[in-house]
Amino acid sequence: MPRINFQQQLVALKDKLLAMAALSQQALSLALEGYLTGDLALCEHVKEIEAAINAAERDVDEMAYDLLAKEQPMAIDLRFILSVIKINGDLERIGDQATNIAQRTQTLVGAPQIELPIDIPDMGEKVGVMIRMAIQSLFEADARLAEHVLEMDDEIDEMNRIVQAEMVEVMQEQPEISAQALNAIIISRNLERSADHATNIAEDVIFWVRGSDVRHKFSLSQAE
């Protein structure tokens, strides 16, 4: 009977984490939409969601540490709980990146909206796909799907490098729109960091499912 209760607690922990993941995804999506449309109400909503994410992070940590202390799990159950603790932190940081984007958007109040020679919407869409795939791999315990997330990270890194280079050139040639260009650099960096957190989540899913630590190894194998 105690073991059945333990499995039920693991399911509850996973459900709580997935609910938090939905909040993090929503925050990033709304923040990006707010930036692209100049909708300040969306930016305020992102800040409200961040408060819910922070509360959920505390709840997940408490549930996970309670299970570690009381149940002393072994093998795959132990790996799952350890992965949850790490994924929990990455989801909270995605919420932080969303809030940063919302705050940057608010600093542009009154500045004219201009077309920049970069594709932030495409970058944001790809990062959103990475996050959704990482969470799906967690939900389905699918290590192969998690590996696909790792494969996408290099593309986001390259997109971020392009944004940095092109926006520096814009600031040099059109100093009157330096504020917009600088914000694009910062928001691109926020998206790149969100992709890093999605990659971390995928790595933790692989650790949970296979018992292997793939941090740093995947990028090395790609480089060979």
N, C-alpha and C. Protein backbone atom coordinates (compact mmCIF):
# COMPACT_ATOMS: atom_id res chain seq x y z
N MET A 1 0.82 -1.21 0.00
CA MET A 1 0.00 0.00 0.00
C MET A 1 0.86 1.27 0.00
N PRO A 2 1.90 1.36 0.84
CA PRO A 2 2.74 2.56 0.82
C PRO A 2 3.35 2.80 -0.55
N ARG A 3 3.73 1.73 -1.28
CA ARG A 3 4.34 1.90 -2.60
C ARG A 3 3.34 2.48 -3.60
N ILE A 4 2.07 2.06 -3.50
CA ILE A 4 1.04 2.62 -4.38
C ILE A 4 0.90 4.11 -4.13
N ASN A 5 0.92 4.50 -2.86
CA ASN A 5 0.82 5.91 -2.51
C ASN A 5 2.01 6.68 -3.06
N PHE A 6 3.19 6.09 -3.03
CA PHE A 6 4.39 6.73 -3.55
C PHE A 6 4.25 6.99 -5.05
N GLN A 7 3.74 6.01 -5.80
CA GLN A 7 3.55 6.20 -7.23
C GLN A 7 2.51 7.29 -7.52
N GLN A 8 1.50 7.36 -6.69
CA GLN A 8 0.51 8.41 -6.84
C GLN A 8 1.13 9.79 -6.60
N GLN A 9 2.03 9.86 -5.64
CA GLN A 9 2.72 11.12 -5.37
C GLN A 9 3.64 11.52 -6.53
N LEU A 10 4.26 10.52 -7.16
CA LEU A 10 5.09 10.80 -8.33
C LEU A 10 4.24 11.37 -9.46
N VAL A 11 3.07 10.80 -9.67
CA VAL A 11 2.16 11.30 -10.71
C VAL A 11 1.74 12.73 -10.39
N ALA A 12 1.44 13.00 -9.13
CA ALA A 12 1.04 14.35 -8.72
C ALA A 12 2.17 15.35 -8.94
N LEU A 13 3.39 14.90 -8.66
CA LEU A 13 4.56 15.75 -8.86
C LEU A 13 4.72 16.07 -10.34
N LYS A 14 4.59 15.07 -11.18
CA LYS A 14 4.72 15.27 -12.63
C LYS A 14 3.63 16.21 -13.14
N ASP A 15 2.40 16.02 -12.67
CA ASP A 15 1.30 16.88 -13.09
C ASP A 15 1.55 18.34 -12.69
N LYS A 16 2.07 18.53 -11.50
CA LYS A 16 2.36 19.89 -11.03
C LYS A 16 3.44 20.53 -11.89
N LEU A 17 4.44 19.75 -12.25
CA LEU A 17 5.52 20.27 -13.09
C LEU A 17 5.00 20.62 -14.49
N LEU A 18 4.14 19.78 -15.04
CA LEU A 18 3.59 20.05 -16.37
C LEU A 18 2.70 21.29 -16.36
N ALA A 19 1.97 21.51 -15.27
CA ALA A 19 1.16 22.72 -15.15
C ALA A 19 2.06 23.95 -15.12
N MET A 20 3.18 23.84 -14.42
CA MET A 20 4.13 24.95 -14.39
C MET A 20 4.73 25.19 -15.77
N ALA A 21 5.01 24.10 -16.49
CA ALA A 21 5.55 24.22 -17.84
C ALA A 21 4.59 24.98 -18.75
N ALA A 22 3.31 24.72 -18.60
CA ALA A 22 2.31 25.43 -19.41
C ALA A 22 2.35 26.93 -19.12
N LEU A 23 2.54 27.28 -17.86
CA LEU A 23 2.64 28.70 -17.49
C LEU A 23 3.88 29.35 -18.11
N SER A 24 5.00 28.64 -18.07
CA SER A 24 6.23 29.18 -18.63
C SER A 24 6.11 29.39 -20.14
N GLN A 25 5.53 28.40 -20.82
CA GLN A 25 5.31 28.53 -22.27
C GLN A 25 4.40 29.71 -22.57
N GLN A 26 3.34 29.85 -21.81
CA GLN A 26 2.39 30.94 -22.03
C GLN A 26 3.07 32.29 -21.81
N ALA A 27 3.87 32.39 -20.77
CA ALA A 27 4.55 33.65 -20.47
C ALA A 27 5.46 34.07 -21.61
N LEU A 28 6.24 33.14 -22.13
CA LEU A 28 7.17 33.48 -23.20
C LEU A 28 6.41 33.85 -24.48
N SER A 29 5.36 33.11 -24.79
CA SER A 29 4.57 33.40 -25.99
C SER A 29 3.93 34.79 -25.91
N LEU A 30 3.34 35.11 -24.76
CA LEU A 30 2.69 36.41 -24.60
C LEU A 30 3.70 37.55 -24.60
N ALA A 31 4.87 37.31 -23.99
CA ALA A 31 5.90 38.34 -23.96
C ALA A 31 6.37 38.67 -25.36
N LEU A 32 6.56 37.65 -26.17
CA LEU A 32 7.01 37.87 -27.54
C LEU A 32 5.91 38.59 -28.35
N GLU A 33 4.66 38.17 -28.15
CA GLU A 33 3.56 38.84 -28.84
C GLU A 33 3.47 40.30 -28.42
N GLY A 34 3.67 40.56 -27.13
CA GLY A 34 3.65 41.93 -26.64
C GLY A 34 4.74 42.78 -27.28
N TYR A 35 5.92 42.19 -27.42
CA TYR A 35 7.02 42.91 -28.05
C TYR A 35 6.73 43.21 -29.52
N LEU A 36 6.21 42.22 -30.23
CA LEU A 36 5.97 42.38 -31.67
C LEU A 36 4.82 43.32 -31.97
N THR A 37 3.86 43.41 -31.06
CA THR A 37 2.67 44.25 -31.31
C THR A 37 2.67 45.54 -30.51
N GLY A 38 3.57 45.64 -29.52
CA GLY A 38 3.58 46.81 -28.65
C GLY A 38 2.44 46.83 -27.65
N ASP A 39 1.87 45.66 -27.38
CA ASP A 39 0.73 45.55 -26.47
C ASP A 39 1.22 45.50 -25.02
N LEU A 40 1.10 46.62 -24.31
CA LEU A 40 1.61 46.70 -22.95
C LEU A 40 0.75 45.91 -21.96
N ALA A 41 -0.53 45.70 -22.30
CA ALA A 41 -1.40 44.90 -21.42
C ALA A 41 -0.87 43.46 -21.36
N LEU A 42 -0.39 42.95 -22.47
CA LEU A 42 0.19 41.61 -22.47
C LEU A 42 1.43 41.56 -21.60
N CYS A 43 2.20 42.63 -21.63
CA CYS A 43 3.42 42.68 -20.81
C CYS A 43 3.08 42.62 -19.32
N GLU A 44 2.02 43.31 -18.93
CA GLU A 44 1.59 43.26 -17.53
C GLU A 44 1.09 41.87 -17.17
N HIS A 45 0.42 41.22 -18.11
CA HIS A 45 -0.09 39.87 -17.86
C HIS A 45 1.07 38.89 -17.66
N VAL A 46 2.14 39.10 -18.42
CA VAL A 46 3.33 38.25 -18.27
C VAL A 46 3.86 38.35 -16.84
N LYS A 47 3.88 39.54 -16.29
CA LYS A 47 4.37 39.71 -14.92
C LYS A 47 3.48 38.98 -13.92
N GLU A 48 2.18 38.97 -14.18
CA GLU A 48 1.26 38.23 -13.31
C GLU A 48 1.53 36.73 -13.39
N ILE A 49 1.78 36.26 -14.61
CA ILE A 49 2.06 34.83 -14.78
C ILE A 49 3.36 34.47 -14.07
N GLU A 50 4.34 35.38 -14.11
CA GLU A 50 5.61 35.08 -13.45
C GLU A 50 5.41 34.82 -11.96
N ALA A 51 4.52 35.58 -11.34
CA ALA A 51 4.24 35.36 -9.91
C ALA A 51 3.68 33.95 -9.69
N ALA A 52 2.82 33.50 -10.59
CA ALA A 52 2.27 32.14 -10.48
C ALA A 52 3.36 31.10 -10.71
N ILE A 53 4.27 31.38 -11.63
CA ILE A 53 5.38 30.46 -11.89
C ILE A 53 6.26 30.33 -10.66
N ASN A 54 6.56 31.44 -10.03
CA ASN A 54 7.41 31.42 -8.83
C ASN A 54 6.76 30.62 -7.70
N ALA A 55 5.45 30.78 -7.56
CA ALA A 55 4.73 30.03 -6.53
C ALA A 55 4.75 28.53 -6.86
N ALA A 56 4.56 28.20 -8.13
CA ALA A 56 4.58 26.80 -8.55
C ALA A 56 5.96 26.19 -8.34
N GLU A 57 7.01 26.97 -8.60
CA GLU A 57 8.37 26.47 -8.40
C GLU A 57 8.58 26.05 -6.95
N ARG A 58 8.11 26.87 -6.03
CA ARG A 58 8.26 26.54 -4.61
C ARG A 58 7.49 25.27 -4.26
N ASP A 59 6.28 25.13 -4.81
CA ASP A 59 5.46 23.95 -4.54
C ASP A 59 6.13 22.67 -5.08
N VAL A 60 6.65 22.74 -6.30
CA VAL A 60 7.29 21.57 -6.90
C VAL A 60 8.52 21.17 -6.11
N ASP A 61 9.34 22.14 -5.75
CA ASP A 61 10.54 21.84 -4.96
C ASP A 61 10.16 21.18 -3.63
N GLU A 62 9.15 21.72 -2.98
CA GLU A 62 8.72 21.17 -1.69
C GLU A 62 8.25 19.73 -1.85
N MET A 63 7.45 19.48 -2.89
CA MET A 63 6.95 18.11 -3.12
C MET A 63 8.11 17.15 -3.42
N ALA A 64 9.06 17.60 -4.24
CA ALA A 64 10.17 16.74 -4.63
C ALA A 64 11.08 16.42 -3.45
N TYR A 65 11.44 17.43 -2.69
CA TYR A 65 12.33 17.20 -1.55
C TYR A 65 11.64 16.38 -0.47
N ASP A 66 10.33 16.54 -0.35
CA ASP A 66 9.58 15.74 0.62
C ASP A 66 9.62 14.26 0.24
N LEU A 67 9.48 13.99 -1.07
CA LEU A 67 9.56 12.59 -1.53
C LEU A 67 10.96 12.01 -1.32
N LEU A 68 11.98 12.81 -1.57
CA LEU A 68 13.34 12.33 -1.36
C LEU A 68 13.59 11.99 0.10
N ALA A 69 13.08 12.85 0.98
CA ALA A 69 13.34 12.66 2.41
C ALA A 69 12.55 11.50 3.01
N LYS A 70 11.30 11.36 2.60
CA LYS A 70 10.42 10.39 3.25
C LYS A 70 10.44 9.01 2.58
N GLU A 71 10.65 8.96 1.29
CA GLU A 71 10.50 7.70 0.56
C GLU A 71 11.83 7.03 0.20
N GLN A 72 12.91 7.82 0.17
CA GLN A 72 14.23 7.31 -0.20
C GLN A 72 14.15 6.45 -1.47
N PRO A 73 13.71 7.06 -2.57
CA PRO A 73 13.52 6.30 -3.83
C PRO A 73 14.84 5.80 -4.40
N MET A 74 14.74 4.78 -5.23
CA MET A 74 15.92 4.19 -5.84
C MET A 74 15.78 4.22 -7.37
N ALA A 75 16.90 4.06 -8.06
CA ALA A 75 16.97 3.87 -9.51
C ALA A 75 16.18 4.92 -10.27
N ILE A 76 15.26 4.47 -11.15
CA ILE A 76 14.61 5.39 -12.06
C ILE A 76 13.74 6.41 -11.33
N ASP A 77 13.13 6.02 -10.21
CA ASP A 77 12.32 6.96 -9.44
C ASP A 77 13.19 8.08 -8.85
N LEU A 78 14.38 7.71 -8.40
CA LEU A 78 15.30 8.71 -7.87
C LEU A 78 15.74 9.66 -8.97
N ARG A 79 16.06 9.11 -10.13
CA ARG A 79 16.48 9.94 -11.26
C ARG A 79 15.35 10.89 -11.68
N PHE A 80 14.11 10.39 -11.64
CA PHE A 80 12.98 11.23 -12.00
C PHE A 80 12.87 12.43 -11.06
N ILE A 81 12.93 12.19 -9.78
CA ILE A 81 12.78 13.28 -8.82
C ILE A 81 13.93 14.29 -8.94
N LEU A 82 15.14 13.79 -9.11
CA LEU A 82 16.29 14.69 -9.29
C LEU A 82 16.12 15.52 -10.57
N SER A 83 15.62 14.89 -11.62
CA SER A 83 15.38 15.61 -12.88
C SER A 83 14.30 16.66 -12.71
N VAL A 84 13.26 16.33 -11.97
CA VAL A 84 12.18 17.29 -11.73
C VAL A 84 12.72 18.54 -11.05
N ILE A 85 13.58 18.36 -10.07
CA ILE A 85 14.14 19.51 -9.35
C ILE A 85 14.90 20.43 -10.30
N LYS A 86 15.69 19.84 -11.20
CA LYS A 86 16.46 20.64 -12.15
C LYS A 86 15.55 21.27 -13.21
N ILE A 87 14.61 20.50 -13.73
CA ILE A 87 13.68 21.02 -14.74
C ILE A 87 12.85 22.16 -14.15
N ASN A 88 12.47 22.02 -12.91
CA ASN A 88 11.71 23.05 -12.22
C ASN A 88 12.45 24.39 -12.28
N GLY A 89 13.75 24.35 -12.02
CA GLY A 89 14.55 25.57 -12.07
C GLY A 89 14.62 26.16 -13.47
N ASP A 90 14.75 25.29 -14.47
CA ASP A 90 14.80 25.80 -15.85
C ASP A 90 13.48 26.42 -16.29
N LEU A 91 12.37 25.84 -15.87
CA LEU A 91 11.07 26.41 -16.20
C LEU A 91 10.90 27.79 -15.55
N GLU A 92 11.37 27.92 -14.33
CA GLU A 92 11.29 29.22 -13.66
C GLU A 92 12.12 30.25 -14.40
N ARG A 93 13.27 29.84 -14.91
CA ARG A 93 14.14 30.77 -15.62
C ARG A 93 13.58 31.16 -16.99
N ILE A 94 12.83 30.26 -17.62
CA ILE A 94 12.13 30.64 -18.84
C ILE A 94 11.12 31.74 -18.52
N GLY A 95 10.45 31.61 -17.40
CA GLY A 95 9.55 32.67 -16.96
C GLY A 95 10.29 33.98 -16.74
N ASP A 96 11.50 33.91 -16.20
CA ASP A 96 12.31 35.11 -16.02
C ASP A 96 12.65 35.76 -17.36
N GLN A 97 13.01 34.93 -18.35
CA GLN A 97 13.33 35.47 -19.67
C GLN A 97 12.11 36.15 -20.29
N ALA A 98 10.94 35.55 -20.10
CA ALA A 98 9.70 36.16 -20.60
C ALA A 98 9.47 37.52 -19.96
N THR A 99 9.69 37.58 -18.65
CA THR A 99 9.52 38.85 -17.94
C THR A 99 10.51 39.89 -18.43
N ASN A 100 11.74 39.48 -18.70
CA ASN A 100 12.74 40.40 -19.23
C ASN A 100 12.29 40.99 -20.57
N ILE A 101 11.71 40.13 -21.43
CA ILE A 101 11.22 40.61 -22.72
C ILE A 101 10.09 41.62 -22.52
N ALA A 102 9.19 41.31 -21.59
CA ALA A 102 8.08 42.23 -21.30
C ALA A 102 8.59 43.57 -20.81
N GLN A 103 9.59 43.54 -19.94
CA GLN A 103 10.14 44.78 -19.41
C GLN A 103 10.84 45.59 -20.49
N ARG A 104 11.57 44.90 -21.38
CA ARG A 104 12.22 45.62 -22.47
C ARG A 104 11.19 46.29 -23.37
N THR A 105 10.08 45.60 -23.61
CA THR A 105 9.01 46.17 -24.44
C THR A 105 8.48 47.45 -23.82
N GLN A 106 8.34 47.45 -22.50
CA GLN A 106 7.82 48.62 -21.82
C GLN A 106 8.76 49.82 -21.91
N THR A 107 10.05 49.57 -22.06
CA THR A 107 11.00 50.68 -22.18
C THR A 107 10.88 51.38 -23.53
N LEU A 108 10.20 50.75 -24.49
CA LEU A 108 10.05 51.33 -25.82
C LEU A 108 8.79 52.17 -25.97
N VAL A 109 8.09 52.40 -24.87
CA VAL A 109 6.86 53.19 -24.93
C VAL A 109 7.17 54.57 -25.53
N GLY A 110 6.43 54.93 -26.55
CA GLY A 110 6.63 56.22 -27.20
C GLY A 110 7.62 56.20 -28.35
N ALA A 111 8.43 55.15 -28.44
CA ALA A 111 9.38 55.05 -29.55
C ALA A 111 8.66 54.54 -30.79
N PRO A 112 8.98 55.06 -31.96
CA PRO A 112 8.30 54.59 -33.17
C PRO A 112 8.62 53.13 -33.46
N GLN A 113 7.60 52.40 -33.90
CA GLN A 113 7.83 51.01 -34.29
C GLN A 113 8.46 50.99 -35.68
N ILE A 114 9.52 50.22 -35.84
CA ILE A 114 10.25 50.19 -37.10
C ILE A 114 10.48 48.74 -37.52
N GLU A 115 10.74 48.56 -38.78
CA GLU A 115 11.08 47.24 -39.31
C GLU A 115 12.59 47.05 -39.20
N LEU A 116 13.01 45.99 -38.53
CA LEU A 116 14.43 45.69 -38.40
C LEU A 116 14.77 44.51 -39.32
N PRO A 117 16.00 44.48 -39.84
CA PRO A 117 16.38 43.41 -40.79
C PRO A 117 16.71 42.08 -40.12
N ILE A 118 15.83 41.64 -39.23
CA ILE A 118 16.02 40.38 -38.53
C ILE A 118 14.66 39.72 -38.36
N ASP A 119 14.66 38.44 -38.07
CA ASP A 119 13.39 37.70 -37.96
C ASP A 119 13.20 37.18 -36.54
N ILE A 120 12.90 38.09 -35.63
CA ILE A 120 12.62 37.71 -34.24
C ILE A 120 11.42 36.77 -34.15
N PRO A 121 10.33 37.00 -34.93
CA PRO A 121 9.20 36.07 -34.84
C PRO A 121 9.59 34.63 -35.16
N ASP A 122 10.42 34.43 -36.18
CA ASP A 122 10.84 33.08 -36.54
C ASP A 122 11.68 32.47 -35.43
N MET A 123 12.57 33.26 -34.88
CA MET A 123 13.40 32.78 -33.77
C MET A 123 12.53 32.39 -32.58
N GLY A 124 11.55 33.24 -32.27
CA GLY A 124 10.65 32.96 -31.15
C GLY A 124 9.84 31.70 -31.39
N GLU A 125 9.39 31.49 -32.63
CA GLU A 125 8.62 30.30 -32.95
C GLU A 125 9.47 29.04 -32.76
N LYS A 126 10.72 29.09 -33.20
CA LYS A 126 11.60 27.93 -33.07
C LYS A 126 11.91 27.63 -31.61
N VAL A 127 12.09 28.67 -30.81
CA VAL A 127 12.33 28.46 -29.38
C VAL A 127 11.09 27.86 -28.73
N GLY A 128 9.91 28.34 -29.12
CA GLY A 128 8.67 27.77 -28.60
C GLY A 128 8.53 26.30 -28.93
N VAL A 129 8.93 25.93 -30.15
CA VAL A 129 8.89 24.51 -30.54
C VAL A 129 9.83 23.69 -29.66
N MET A 130 11.02 24.23 -29.41
CA MET A 130 11.98 23.52 -28.55
C MET A 130 11.39 23.27 -27.16
N ILE A 131 10.77 24.30 -26.60
CA ILE A 131 10.20 24.16 -25.26
C ILE A 131 9.07 23.14 -25.26
N ARG A 132 8.20 23.22 -26.26
CA ARG A 132 7.08 22.27 -26.34
C ARG A 132 7.58 20.84 -26.51
N MET A 133 8.59 20.65 -27.34
CA MET A 133 9.13 19.31 -27.54
C MET A 133 9.79 18.78 -26.27
N ALA A 134 10.50 19.66 -25.56
CA ALA A 134 11.14 19.24 -24.32
C ALA A 134 10.11 18.78 -23.29
N ILE A 135 9.02 19.55 -23.19
CA ILE A 135 7.97 19.19 -22.24
C ILE A 135 7.25 17.92 -22.69
N GLN A 136 7.02 17.79 -23.99
CA GLN A 136 6.39 16.56 -24.50
C GLN A 136 7.26 15.35 -24.22
N SER A 137 8.57 15.51 -24.37
CA SER A 137 9.48 14.39 -24.09
C SER A 137 9.40 14.00 -22.62
N LEU A 138 9.19 14.99 -21.75
CA LEU A 138 9.01 14.70 -20.32
C LEU A 138 7.70 13.95 -20.09
N PHE A 139 6.64 14.46 -20.70
CA PHE A 139 5.31 13.86 -20.51
C PHE A 139 5.28 12.42 -21.00
N GLU A 140 5.97 12.15 -22.12
CA GLU A 140 5.93 10.84 -22.73
C GLU A 140 7.13 9.97 -22.39
N ALA A 141 8.05 10.49 -21.57
CA ALA A 141 9.29 9.77 -21.23
C ALA A 141 10.01 9.34 -22.51
N ASP A 142 10.13 10.27 -23.45
CA ASP A 142 10.65 9.98 -24.79
C ASP A 142 12.05 10.59 -24.96
N ALA A 143 13.07 9.78 -24.77
CA ALA A 143 14.45 10.27 -24.86
C ALA A 143 14.81 10.64 -26.29
N ARG A 144 14.27 9.94 -27.28
CA ARG A 144 14.57 10.26 -28.68
C ARG A 144 14.04 11.64 -29.06
N LEU A 145 12.85 11.96 -28.58
CA LEU A 145 12.30 13.29 -28.83
C LEU A 145 13.16 14.36 -28.15
N ALA A 146 13.62 14.05 -26.95
CA ALA A 146 14.50 14.98 -26.24
C ALA A 146 15.77 15.25 -27.03
N GLU A 147 16.27 14.23 -27.71
CA GLU A 147 17.48 14.40 -28.52
C GLU A 147 17.25 15.39 -29.66
N HIS A 148 16.04 15.40 -30.20
CA HIS A 148 15.73 16.35 -31.27
C HIS A 148 15.82 17.79 -30.77
N VAL A 149 15.47 18.00 -29.50
CA VAL A 149 15.60 19.34 -28.91
C VAL A 149 17.06 19.77 -28.89
N LEU A 150 17.93 18.85 -28.52
CA LEU A 150 19.36 19.16 -28.48
C LEU A 150 19.87 19.56 -29.87
N GLU A 151 19.35 18.90 -30.89
CA GLU A 151 19.79 19.18 -32.25
C GLU A 151 19.40 20.59 -32.70
N MET A 152 18.33 21.13 -32.14
CA MET A 152 17.84 22.44 -32.56
C MET A 152 18.61 23.60 -31.92
N ASP A 153 19.33 23.34 -30.87
CA ASP A 153 19.94 24.42 -30.11
C ASP A 153 20.97 25.20 -30.91
N ASP A 154 21.74 24.52 -31.74
CA ASP A 154 22.78 25.20 -32.53
C ASP A 154 22.16 26.21 -33.49
N GLU A 155 20.98 25.89 -34.03
CA GLU A 155 20.32 26.82 -34.96
C GLU A 155 19.95 28.11 -34.24
N ILE A 156 19.46 28.00 -33.02
CA ILE A 156 19.10 29.19 -32.25
C ILE A 156 20.34 30.00 -31.92
N ASP A 157 21.42 29.34 -31.57
CA ASP A 157 22.67 30.05 -31.29
C ASP A 157 23.11 30.85 -32.51
N GLU A 158 23.00 30.26 -33.69
CA GLU A 158 23.40 30.94 -34.92
C GLU A 158 22.48 32.12 -35.21
N MET A 159 21.18 31.95 -34.99
CA MET A 159 20.25 33.06 -35.19
C MET A 159 20.56 34.21 -34.25
N ASN A 160 20.92 33.89 -33.02
CA ASN A 160 21.28 34.94 -32.07
C ASN A 160 22.53 35.68 -32.52
N ARG A 161 23.51 34.95 -33.02
CA ARG A 161 24.73 35.60 -33.50
C ARG A 161 24.43 36.55 -34.66
N ILE A 162 23.54 36.14 -35.54
CA ILE A 162 23.17 36.99 -36.68
C ILE A 162 22.50 38.27 -36.20
N VAL A 163 21.58 38.14 -35.25
CA VAL A 163 20.91 39.32 -34.70
C VAL A 163 21.92 40.28 -34.09
N GLN A 164 22.84 39.75 -33.28
CA GLN A 164 23.83 40.61 -32.63
C GLN A 164 24.62 41.40 -33.68
N ALA A 165 25.11 40.69 -34.71
CA ALA A 165 25.95 41.34 -35.72
C ALA A 165 25.16 42.38 -36.52
N GLU A 166 23.95 42.03 -36.93
CA GLU A 166 23.18 42.94 -37.76
C GLU A 166 22.69 44.16 -36.98
N MET A 167 22.37 43.98 -35.71
CA MET A 167 21.90 45.11 -34.93
C MET A 167 23.05 46.06 -34.57
N VAL A 168 24.24 45.54 -34.38
CA VAL A 168 25.39 46.42 -34.16
C VAL A 168 25.61 47.28 -35.41
N GLU A 169 25.46 46.68 -36.57
CA GLU A 169 25.61 47.43 -37.82
C GLU A 169 24.53 48.50 -37.96
N VAL A 170 23.30 48.15 -37.58
CA VAL A 170 22.21 49.12 -37.62
C VAL A 170 22.50 50.30 -36.70
N MET A 171 22.99 50.04 -35.49
CA MET A 171 23.27 51.11 -34.54
C MET A 171 24.36 52.03 -35.05
N GLN A 172 25.31 51.47 -35.78
CA GLN A 172 26.39 52.29 -36.34
C GLN A 172 25.89 53.15 -37.50
N GLU A 173 25.01 52.60 -38.32
CA GLU A 173 24.55 53.30 -39.51
C GLU A 173 23.33 54.18 -39.26
N GLN A 174 22.50 53.80 -38.26
CA GLN A 174 21.29 54.56 -37.96
C GLN A 174 21.18 54.79 -36.45
N PRO A 175 22.03 55.63 -35.91
CA PRO A 175 22.04 55.83 -34.44
C PRO A 175 20.71 56.31 -33.88
N GLU A 176 19.86 56.89 -34.73
CA GLU A 176 18.57 57.39 -34.25
C GLU A 176 17.64 56.26 -33.81
N ILE A 177 17.91 55.03 -34.24
CA ILE A 177 17.06 53.90 -33.81
C ILE A 177 17.87 52.91 -32.97
N SER A 178 18.88 53.44 -32.28
CA SER A 178 19.72 52.57 -31.46
C SER A 178 18.94 51.87 -30.36
N ALA A 179 17.94 52.58 -29.79
CA ALA A 179 17.16 51.98 -28.70
C ALA A 179 16.43 50.72 -29.18
N GLN A 180 15.81 50.81 -30.34
CA GLN A 180 15.09 49.65 -30.89
C GLN A 180 16.06 48.51 -31.22
N ALA A 181 17.21 48.87 -31.78
CA ALA A 181 18.19 47.84 -32.14
C ALA A 181 18.76 47.17 -30.90
N LEU A 182 19.04 47.97 -29.88
CA LEU A 182 19.58 47.40 -28.64
C LEU A 182 18.57 46.47 -27.99
N ASN A 183 17.31 46.86 -27.99
CA ASN A 183 16.28 45.99 -27.42
C ASN A 183 16.17 44.68 -28.19
N ALA A 184 16.32 44.75 -29.51
CA ALA A 184 16.28 43.53 -30.32
C ALA A 184 17.43 42.59 -29.94
N ILE A 185 18.61 43.16 -29.68
CA ILE A 185 19.76 42.36 -29.24
C ILE A 185 19.44 41.65 -27.92
N ILE A 186 18.89 42.41 -26.98
CA ILE A 186 18.61 41.86 -25.65
C ILE A 186 17.51 40.79 -25.73
N ILE A 187 16.47 41.05 -26.52
CA ILE A 187 15.37 40.09 -26.64
C ILE A 187 15.83 38.83 -27.35
N SER A 188 16.69 38.98 -28.35
CA SER A 188 17.28 37.80 -29.01
C SER A 188 18.05 36.97 -28.00
N ARG A 189 18.78 37.65 -27.13
CA ARG A 189 19.54 36.94 -26.10
C ARG A 189 18.60 36.23 -25.12
N ASN A 190 17.49 36.87 -24.77
CA ASN A 190 16.51 36.22 -23.90
C ASN A 190 15.96 34.95 -24.54
N LEU A 191 15.70 35.01 -25.84
CA LEU A 191 15.20 33.84 -26.55
C LEU A 191 16.26 32.74 -26.60
N GLU A 192 17.51 33.13 -26.84
CA GLU A 192 18.59 32.15 -26.89
C GLU A 192 18.76 31.46 -25.54
N ARG A 193 18.62 32.22 -24.47
CA ARG A 193 18.72 31.62 -23.14
C ARG A 193 17.54 30.70 -22.86
N SER A 194 16.36 31.07 -23.34
CA SER A 194 15.20 30.19 -23.18
C SER A 194 15.43 28.87 -23.90
N ALA A 195 16.06 28.94 -25.07
CA ALA A 195 16.41 27.71 -25.80
C ALA A 195 17.40 26.87 -25.01
N ASP A 196 18.34 27.53 -24.35
CA ASP A 196 19.29 26.81 -23.49
C ASP A 196 18.56 26.06 -22.38
N HIS A 197 17.55 26.70 -21.81
CA HIS A 197 16.79 26.05 -20.73
C HIS A 197 15.99 24.87 -21.28
N ALA A 198 15.45 25.01 -22.49
CA ALA A 198 14.76 23.88 -23.12
C ALA A 198 15.73 22.72 -23.33
N THR A 199 16.96 23.05 -23.73
CA THR A 199 17.99 22.03 -23.92
C THR A 199 18.31 21.34 -22.59
N ASN A 200 18.41 22.13 -21.54
CA ASN A 200 18.67 21.54 -20.21
C ASN A 200 17.56 20.57 -19.82
N ILE A 201 16.31 20.96 -20.10
CA ILE A 201 15.18 20.09 -19.78
C ILE A 201 15.29 18.77 -20.55
N ALA A 202 15.61 18.88 -21.84
CA ALA A 202 15.75 17.67 -22.66
C ALA A 202 16.86 16.78 -22.13
N GLU A 203 17.97 17.37 -21.73
CA GLU A 203 19.07 16.58 -21.18
C GLU A 203 18.65 15.86 -19.90
N ASP A 204 17.84 16.53 -19.09
CA ASP A 204 17.38 15.89 -17.86
C ASP A 204 16.39 14.77 -18.13
N VAL A 205 15.59 14.92 -19.19
CA VAL A 205 14.68 13.83 -19.57
C VAL A 205 15.50 12.60 -19.99
N ILE A 206 16.54 12.82 -20.77
CA ILE A 206 17.40 11.71 -21.18
C ILE A 206 18.05 11.05 -19.97
N PHE A 207 18.49 11.85 -19.01
CA PHE A 207 19.08 11.31 -17.78
C PHE A 207 18.06 10.45 -17.03
N TRP A 208 16.83 10.96 -16.95
CA TRP A 208 15.78 10.22 -16.23
C TRP A 208 15.47 8.89 -16.92
N VAL A 209 15.28 8.93 -18.23
CA VAL A 209 14.83 7.75 -18.96
C VAL A 209 15.95 6.72 -19.14
N ARG A 210 17.15 7.20 -19.48
CA ARG A 210 18.24 6.28 -19.82
C ARG A 210 19.29 6.13 -18.74
N GLY A 211 19.29 7.05 -17.78
CA GLY A 211 20.31 6.98 -16.74
C GLY A 211 21.66 7.46 -17.21
N SER A 212 21.71 8.20 -18.32
CA SER A 212 22.99 8.70 -18.85
C SER A 212 23.01 10.22 -18.85
N ASP A 213 24.15 10.76 -18.48
CA ASP A 213 24.34 12.21 -18.44
C ASP A 213 24.90 12.65 -19.79
N VAL A 214 24.10 13.41 -20.56
CA VAL A 214 24.53 13.82 -21.89
C VAL A 214 24.98 15.28 -21.94
N ARG A 215 25.07 15.93 -20.80
CA ARG A 215 25.52 17.31 -20.81
C ARG A 215 26.89 17.42 -21.44
N HIS A 216 27.03 18.34 -22.38
CA HIS A 216 28.28 18.63 -23.09
C HIS A 216 28.66 17.56 -24.11
N LYS A 217 28.19 16.33 -23.92
CA LYS A 217 28.61 15.25 -24.81
C LYS A 217 28.01 15.40 -26.20
N PHE A 218 26.74 15.86 -26.26
CA PHE A 218 26.06 15.93 -27.55
C PHE A 218 26.76 16.93 -28.46
N SER A 219 27.10 18.09 -27.93
CA SER A 219 27.75 19.10 -28.76
C SER A 219 29.11 18.64 -29.21
N LEU A 220 29.80 17.86 -28.37
CA LEU A 220 31.12 17.36 -28.76
C LEU A 220 30.99 16.35 -29.90
N SER A 221 30.00 15.47 -29.83
CA SER A 221 29.82 14.47 -30.87
C SER A 221 29.43 15.14 -32.19
N GLN A 222 28.68 16.25 -32.11
CA GLN A 222 28.28 16.96 -33.31
C GLN A 222 29.49 17.61 -33.99
N ALA A 223 30.47 18.00 -33.15
CA ALA A 223 31.61 18.72 -33.67
C ALA A 223 32.63 17.79 -34.33
N GLU A 224 32.56 16.49 -34.03
CA GLU A 224 33.54 15.54 -34.55
C GLU A 224 33.30 15.24 -36.03
